[in-house]
PDB file of N, CA and C in Angstrom:
ATOM      1  N   MET A   1       7.338   9.866  20.369  1.00  0.00           N
ATOM      2  CA  MET A   1       7.307  11.300  20.252  1.00  0.00           C
ATOM      3  C   MET A   1       7.223  11.870  21.664  1.00  0.00           C
ATOM      4  N   ILE A   2       8.010  12.858  21.941  1.00  0.00           N
ATOM      5  CA  ILE A   2       8.033  13.496  23.253  1.00  0.00           C
ATOM      6  C   ILE A   2       7.306  14.829  23.146  1.00  0.00           C
ATOM      7  N   ARG A   3       6.365  15.065  24.066  1.00  0.00           N
ATOM      8  CA  ARG A   3       5.640  16.329  24.076  1.00  0.00           C
ATOM      9  C   ARG A   3       5.873  17.012  25.421  1.00  0.00           C
ATOM     10  N   ASN A   4       6.058  18.312  25.375  1.00  0.00           N
ATOM     11  CA  ASN A   4       6.155  19.056  26.623  1.00  0.00           C
ATOM     12  C   ASN A   4       4.809  19.680  26.939  1.00  0.00           C
ATOM     13  N   HIS A   5       4.717  20.433  27.989  1.00  0.00           N
ATOM     14  CA  HIS A   5       3.432  20.969  28.439  1.00  0.00           C
ATOM     15  C   HIS A   5       2.808  21.962  27.459  1.00  0.00           C
ATOM     16  N   SER A   6       3.579  22.559  26.576  1.00  0.00           N
ATOM     17  CA  SER A   6       3.018  23.521  25.631  1.00  0.00           C
ATOM     18  C   SER A   6       2.521  22.845  24.355  1.00  0.00           C
ATOM     19  N   GLY A   7       2.708  21.517  24.225  1.00  0.00           N
ATOM     20  CA  GLY A   7       2.218  20.794  23.064  1.00  0.00           C
ATOM     21  C   GLY A   7       3.193  20.769  21.898  1.00  0.00           C
ATOM     22  N   LEU A   8       4.389  21.292  22.053  1.00  0.00           N
ATOM     23  CA  LEU A   8       5.373  21.295  20.975  1.00  0.00           C
ATOM     24  C   LEU A   8       6.082  19.947  20.925  1.00  0.00           C
ATOM     25  N   ASP A   9       6.357  19.494  19.731  1.00  0.00           N
ATOM     26  CA  ASP A   9       7.084  18.240  19.564  1.00  0.00           C
ATOM     27  C   ASP A   9       8.571  18.493  19.744  1.00  0.00           C
ATOM     28  N   LEU A  10       9.138  17.828  20.744  1.00  0.00           N
ATOM     29  CA  LEU A  10      10.572  17.985  20.973  1.00  0.00           C
ATOM     30  C   LEU A  10      11.379  17.226  19.925  1.00  0.00           C
ATOM     31  N   ASP A  11      10.762  16.217  19.307  1.00  0.00           N
ATOM     32  CA  ASP A  11      11.467  15.492  18.251  1.00  0.00           C
ATOM     33  C   ASP A  11      11.804  16.425  17.098  1.00  0.00           C
ATOM     34  N   LEU A  12      10.875  17.296  16.751  1.00  0.00           N
ATOM     35  CA  LEU A  12      11.101  18.247  15.664  1.00  0.00           C
ATOM     36  C   LEU A  12      12.280  19.153  15.989  1.00  0.00           C
ATOM     37  N   PHE A  13      12.335  19.622  17.210  1.00  0.00           N
ATOM     38  CA  PHE A  13      13.443  20.498  17.603  1.00  0.00           C
ATOM     39  C   PHE A  13      14.769  19.753  17.637  1.00  0.00           C
ATOM     40  N   SER A  14      14.730  18.479  18.023  1.00  0.00           N
ATOM     41  CA  SER A  14      15.991  17.730  18.052  1.00  0.00           C
ATOM     42  C   SER A  14      16.554  17.554  16.645  1.00  0.00           C
ATOM     43  N   PHE A  15      15.684  17.406  15.627  1.00  0.00           N
ATOM     44  CA  PHE A  15      16.173  17.301  14.251  1.00  0.00           C
ATOM     45  C   PHE A  15      16.694  18.640  13.754  1.00  0.00           C
ATOM     46  N   GLN A  16      16.156  19.733  14.253  1.00  0.00           N
ATOM     47  CA  GLN A  16      16.654  21.040  13.850  1.00  0.00           C
ATOM     48  C   GLN A  16      18.001  21.324  14.493  1.00  0.00           C
ATOM     49  N   VAL A  17      18.156  20.888  15.731  1.00  0.00           N
ATOM     50  CA  VAL A  17      19.416  21.128  16.437  1.00  0.00           C
ATOM     51  C   VAL A  17      20.487  20.163  15.963  1.00  0.00           C
ATOM     52  N   HIS A  18      20.117  18.890  15.722  1.00  0.00           N
ATOM     53  CA  HIS A  18      21.066  17.866  15.282  1.00  0.00           C
ATOM     54  C   HIS A  18      20.607  17.274  13.954  1.00  0.00           C
ATOM     55  N   PRO A  19      20.849  17.960  12.847  1.00  0.00           N
ATOM     56  CA  PRO A  19      20.371  17.455  11.543  1.00  0.00           C
ATOM     57  C   PRO A  19      21.026  16.142  11.130  1.00  0.00           C
ATOM     58  N   GLU A  20      22.135  15.789  11.726  1.00  0.00           N
ATOM     59  CA  GLU A  20      22.805  14.534  11.361  1.00  0.00           C
ATOM     60  C   GLU A  20      21.998  13.317  11.813  1.00  0.00           C
ATOM     61  N   TYR A  21      21.029  13.503  12.699  1.00  0.00           N
ATOM     62  CA  TYR A  21      20.186  12.406  13.176  1.00  0.00           C
ATOM     63  C   TYR A  21      18.931  12.219  12.332  1.00  0.00           C
ATOM     64  N   ARG A  22      18.725  13.074  11.346  1.00  0.00           N
ATOM     65  CA  ARG A  22      17.568  12.917  10.464  1.00  0.00           C
ATOM     66  C   ARG A  22      17.703  11.624   9.676  1.00  0.00           C
ATOM     67  N   PRO A  23      16.578  10.957   9.404  1.00  0.00           N
ATOM     68  CA  PRO A  23      16.658   9.736   8.588  1.00  0.00           C
ATOM     69  C   PRO A  23      17.190  10.040   7.195  1.00  0.00           C
ATOM     70  N   LYS A  24      18.079   9.196   6.728  1.00  0.00           N
ATOM     71  CA  LYS A  24      18.665   9.368   5.398  1.00  0.00           C
ATOM     72  C   LYS A  24      17.710   8.817   4.344  1.00  0.00           C
ATOM     73  N   ARG A  25      17.781   9.375   3.147  1.00  0.00           N
ATOM     74  CA  ARG A  25      16.991   8.857   2.037  1.00  0.00           C
ATOM     75  C   ARG A  25      17.560   7.496   1.636  1.00  0.00           C
ATOM     76  N   PRO A  26      16.693   6.588   1.199  1.00  0.00           N
ATOM     77  CA  PRO A  26      17.195   5.270   0.800  1.00  0.00           C
ATOM     78  C   PRO A  26      18.117   5.385  -0.411  1.00  0.00           C
ATOM     79  N   ALA A  27      19.134   4.550  -0.429  1.00  0.00           N
ATOM     80  CA  ALA A  27      20.108   4.582  -1.517  1.00  0.00           C
ATOM     81  C   ALA A  27      19.480   4.109  -2.830  1.00  0.00           C
ATOM     82  N   ASN A  28      18.592   3.121  -2.747  1.00  0.00           N
ATOM     83  CA  ASN A  28      17.953   2.632  -3.956  1.00  0.00           C
ATOM     84  C   ASN A  28      16.438   2.697  -3.780  1.00  0.00           C
ATOM     85  N   GLN A  29      15.748   2.919  -4.863  1.00  0.00           N
ATOM     86  CA  GLN A  29      14.303   3.025  -4.829  1.00  0.00           C
ATOM     87  C   GLN A  29      13.692   1.626  -4.766  1.00  0.00           C
ATOM     88  N   PHE A  30      12.526   1.513  -4.117  1.00  0.00           N
ATOM     89  CA  PHE A  30      11.848   0.225  -3.995  1.00  0.00           C
ATOM     90  C   PHE A  30      11.440  -0.291  -5.372  1.00  0.00           C
ATOM     91  N   VAL A  31      11.738  -1.559  -5.636  1.00  0.00           N
ATOM     92  CA  VAL A  31      11.362  -2.206  -6.891  1.00  0.00           C
ATOM     93  C   VAL A  31      10.442  -3.370  -6.536  1.00  0.00           C
ATOM     94  N   PRO A  32       9.156  -3.301  -6.955  1.00  0.00           N
ATOM     95  CA  PRO A  32       8.248  -4.398  -6.611  1.00  0.00           C
ATOM     96  C   PRO A  32       8.659  -5.690  -7.323  1.00  0.00           C
ATOM     97  N   ARG A  33       8.618  -6.790  -6.574  1.00  0.00           N
ATOM     98  CA  ARG A  33       9.005  -8.086  -7.121  1.00  0.00           C
ATOM     99  C   ARG A  33       8.014  -9.140  -6.672  1.00  0.00           C
ATOM    100  N   LEU A  34       7.869 -10.162  -7.499  1.00  0.00           N
ATOM    101  CA  LEU A  34       7.033 -11.306  -7.185  1.00  0.00           C
ATOM    102  C   LEU A  34       7.855 -12.542  -7.485  1.00  0.00           C
ATOM    103  N   TYR A  35       8.129 -13.324  -6.466  1.00  0.00           N
ATOM    104  CA  TYR A  35       8.985 -14.503  -6.577  1.00  0.00           C
ATOM    105  C   TYR A  35      10.347 -14.148  -7.185  1.00  0.00           C
ATOM    106  N   GLY A  36      10.841 -12.973  -6.866  1.00  0.00           N
ATOM    107  CA  GLY A  36      12.156 -12.555  -7.329  1.00  0.00           C
ATOM    108  C   GLY A  36      12.169 -11.865  -8.686  1.00  0.00           C
ATOM    109  N   PHE A  37      11.033 -11.869  -9.390  1.00  0.00           N
ATOM    110  CA  PHE A  37      10.964 -11.235 -10.697  1.00  0.00           C
ATOM    111  C   PHE A  37      10.411  -9.828 -10.566  1.00  0.00           C
ATOM    112  N   LYS A  38      10.998  -8.895 -11.282  1.00  0.00           N
ATOM    113  CA  LYS A  38      10.500  -7.523 -11.280  1.00  0.00           C
ATOM    114  C   LYS A  38       9.136  -7.479 -11.964  1.00  0.00           C
ATOM    115  N   ILE A  39       8.243  -6.673 -11.407  1.00  0.00           N
ATOM    116  CA  ILE A  39       6.908  -6.519 -11.978  1.00  0.00           C
ATOM    117  C   ILE A  39       6.940  -5.343 -12.943  1.00  0.00           C
ATOM    118  N   HIS A  40       6.507  -5.579 -14.169  1.00  0.00           N
ATOM    119  CA  HIS A  40       6.517  -4.529 -15.188  1.00  0.00           C
ATOM    120  C   HIS A  40       5.530  -3.441 -14.811  1.00  0.00           C
ATOM    121  N   HIS A  41       5.851  -2.188 -15.126  1.00  0.00           N
ATOM    122  CA  HIS A  41       5.009  -1.068 -14.727  1.00  0.00           C
ATOM    123  C   HIS A  41       3.632  -1.107 -15.377  1.00  0.00           C
ATOM    124  N   LEU A  42       3.497  -1.757 -16.528  1.00  0.00           N
ATOM    125  CA  LEU A  42       2.194  -1.862 -17.179  1.00  0.00           C
ATOM    126  C   LEU A  42       1.317  -2.961 -16.574  1.00  0.00           C
ATOM    127  N   ALA A  43       1.892  -3.813 -15.738  1.00  0.00           N
ATOM    128  CA  ALA A  43       1.123  -4.913 -15.163  1.00  0.00           C
ATOM    129  C   ALA A  43      -0.036  -4.403 -14.323  1.00  0.00           C
ATOM    130  N   TYR A  44       0.143  -3.302 -13.619  1.00  0.00           N
ATOM    131  CA  TYR A  44      -0.929  -2.745 -12.798  1.00  0.00           C
ATOM    132  C   TYR A  44      -2.074  -2.258 -13.677  1.00  0.00           C
ATOM    133  N   GLN A  45      -1.737  -1.597 -14.771  1.00  0.00           N
ATOM    134  CA  GLN A  45      -2.757  -1.081 -15.683  1.00  0.00           C
ATOM    135  C   GLN A  45      -3.519  -2.234 -16.342  1.00  0.00           C
ATOM    136  N   ILE A  46      -2.817  -3.261 -16.763  1.00  0.00           N
ATOM    137  CA  ILE A  46      -3.455  -4.420 -17.390  1.00  0.00           C
ATOM    138  C   ILE A  46      -4.368  -5.123 -16.390  1.00  0.00           C
ATOM    139  N   GLN A  47      -3.933  -5.227 -15.140  1.00  0.00           N
ATOM    140  CA  GLN A  47      -4.741  -5.871 -14.103  1.00  0.00           C
ATOM    141  C   GLN A  47      -6.023  -5.091 -13.840  1.00  0.00           C
ATOM    142  N   GLN A  48      -5.942  -3.766 -13.799  1.00  0.00           N
ATOM    143  CA  GLN A  48      -7.128  -2.946 -13.574  1.00  0.00           C
ATOM    144  C   GLN A  48      -8.108  -3.059 -14.742  1.00  0.00           C
ATOM    145  N   GLN A  49      -7.586  -3.087 -15.970  1.00  0.00           N
ATOM    146  CA  GLN A  49      -8.454  -3.229 -17.137  1.00  0.00           C
ATOM    147  C   GLN A  49      -9.144  -4.582 -17.132  1.00  0.00           C
ATOM    148  N   ALA A  50      -8.413  -5.630 -16.762  1.00  0.00           N
ATOM    149  CA  ALA A  50      -9.001  -6.970 -16.722  1.00  0.00           C
ATOM    150  C   ALA A  50     -10.086  -7.043 -15.649  1.00  0.00           C
ATOM    151  N   ALA A  51      -9.852  -6.405 -14.503  1.00  0.00           N
ATOM    152  CA  ALA A  51     -10.848  -6.409 -13.430  1.00  0.00           C
ATOM    153  C   ALA A  51     -12.091  -5.622 -13.834  1.00  0.00           C
ATOM    154  N   ALA A  52     -11.913  -4.542 -14.585  1.00  0.00           N
ATOM    155  CA  ALA A  52     -13.059  -3.740 -15.018  1.00  0.00           C
ATOM    156  C   ALA A  52     -13.895  -4.488 -16.051  1.00  0.00           C
ATOM    157  N   ASN A  53     -13.274  -5.328 -16.862  1.00  0.00           N
ATOM    158  CA  ASN A  53     -13.984  -6.063 -17.915  1.00  0.00           C
ATOM    159  C   ASN A  53     -14.513  -7.413 -17.445  1.00  0.00           C
ATOM    160  N   PHE A  54     -14.166  -7.821 -16.218  1.00  0.00           N
ATOM    161  CA  PHE A  54     -14.553  -9.139 -15.715  1.00  0.00           C
ATOM    162  C   PHE A  54     -16.020  -9.151 -15.325  1.00  0.00           C
ATOM    163  N   LYS A  55     -16.735 -10.178 -15.760  1.00  0.00           N
ATOM    164  CA  LYS A  55     -18.121 -10.372 -15.362  1.00  0.00           C
ATOM    165  C   LYS A  55     -18.200 -11.685 -14.592  1.00  0.00           C
ATOM    166  N   ALA A  56     -18.727 -11.631 -13.383  1.00  0.00           N
ATOM    167  CA  ALA A  56     -18.848 -12.827 -12.561  1.00  0.00           C
ATOM    168  C   ALA A  56     -19.908 -13.742 -13.158  1.00  0.00           C
ATOM    169  N   PRO A  57     -19.682 -15.046 -13.141  1.00  0.00           N
ATOM    170  CA  PRO A  57     -20.686 -15.961 -13.683  1.00  0.00           C
ATOM    171  C   PRO A  57     -21.955 -15.919 -12.839  1.00  0.00           C
ATOM    172  N   MET A  58     -23.094 -16.022 -13.504  1.00  0.00           N
ATOM    173  CA  MET A  58     -24.378 -16.003 -12.809  1.00  0.00           C
ATOM    174  C   MET A  58     -24.607 -17.340 -12.121  1.00  0.00           C
ATOM    175  N   ARG A  59     -25.125 -17.296 -10.914  1.00  0.00           N
ATOM    176  CA  ARG A  59     -25.483 -18.523 -10.207  1.00  0.00           C
ATOM    177  C   ARG A  59     -26.855 -18.978 -10.675  1.00  0.00           C
ATOM    178  N   ALA A  60     -27.052 -20.278 -10.681  1.00  0.00           N
ATOM    179  CA  ALA A  60     -28.349 -20.814 -11.052  1.00  0.00           C
ATOM    180  C   ALA A  60     -29.343 -20.482  -9.946  1.00  0.00           C
ATOM    181  N   MET A  61     -30.505 -20.023 -10.325  1.00  0.00           N
ATOM    182  CA  MET A  61     -31.536 -19.683  -9.352  1.00  0.00           C
ATOM    183  C   MET A  61     -32.139 -20.963  -8.800  1.00  0.00           C
ATOM    184  N   SER A  62     -32.256 -21.043  -7.497  1.00  0.00           N
ATOM    185  CA  SER A  62     -32.859 -22.190  -6.853  1.00  0.00           C
ATOM    186  C   SER A  62     -34.169 -21.742  -6.233  1.00  0.00           C
ATOM    187  N   TYR A  63     -35.246 -22.370  -6.639  1.00  0.00           N
ATOM    188  CA  TYR A  63     -36.560 -21.954  -6.165  1.00  0.00           C
ATOM    189  C   TYR A  63     -37.057 -22.775  -4.983  1.00  0.00           C
ATOM    190  N   ASN A  64     -36.279 -23.774  -4.543  1.00  0.00           N
ATOM    191  CA  ASN A  64     -36.742 -24.608  -3.443  1.00  0.00           C
ATOM    192  C   ASN A  64     -36.110 -24.191  -2.110  1.00  0.00           C
ATOM    193  N   ASN A  65     -35.424 -23.077  -2.060  1.00  0.00           N
ATOM    194  CA  ASN A  65     -34.808 -22.526  -0.834  1.00  0.00           C
ATOM    195  C   ASN A  65     -33.912 -23.506  -0.116  1.00  0.00           C
ATOM    196  N   GLY A  66     -33.181 -24.310  -0.855  1.00  0.00           N
ATOM    197  CA  GLY A  66     -32.212 -25.228  -0.267  1.00  0.00           C
ATOM    198  C   GLY A  66     -32.794 -26.549   0.173  1.00  0.00           C
ATOM    199  N   LYS A  67     -34.087 -26.765  -0.021  1.00  0.00           N
ATOM    200  CA  LYS A  67     -34.702 -28.046   0.347  1.00  0.00           C
ATOM    201  C   LYS A  67     -34.680 -28.978  -0.849  1.00  0.00           C
ATOM    202  N   ARG A  68     -34.650 -30.268  -0.572  1.00  0.00           N
ATOM    203  CA  ARG A  68     -34.609 -31.243  -1.656  1.00  0.00           C
ATOM    204  C   ARG A  68     -35.951 -31.554  -2.204  1.00  0.00           C
TER     205      ARG A  68
END
């Protein structure tokens, strides 16, 4: 980013003067994949529900503070 002494972004002005240099929108929308397979849109919701219902196993209490 180029700034002049007044604090204005010259990049912004260059896009206004030359709109053909603006970044183009992607032709295709991003599709999440795992090992090449598309991830179903409900997978995120199912994962969040499973995480909310998950209970970590309790560790056995040790009263000897690690000594034998």
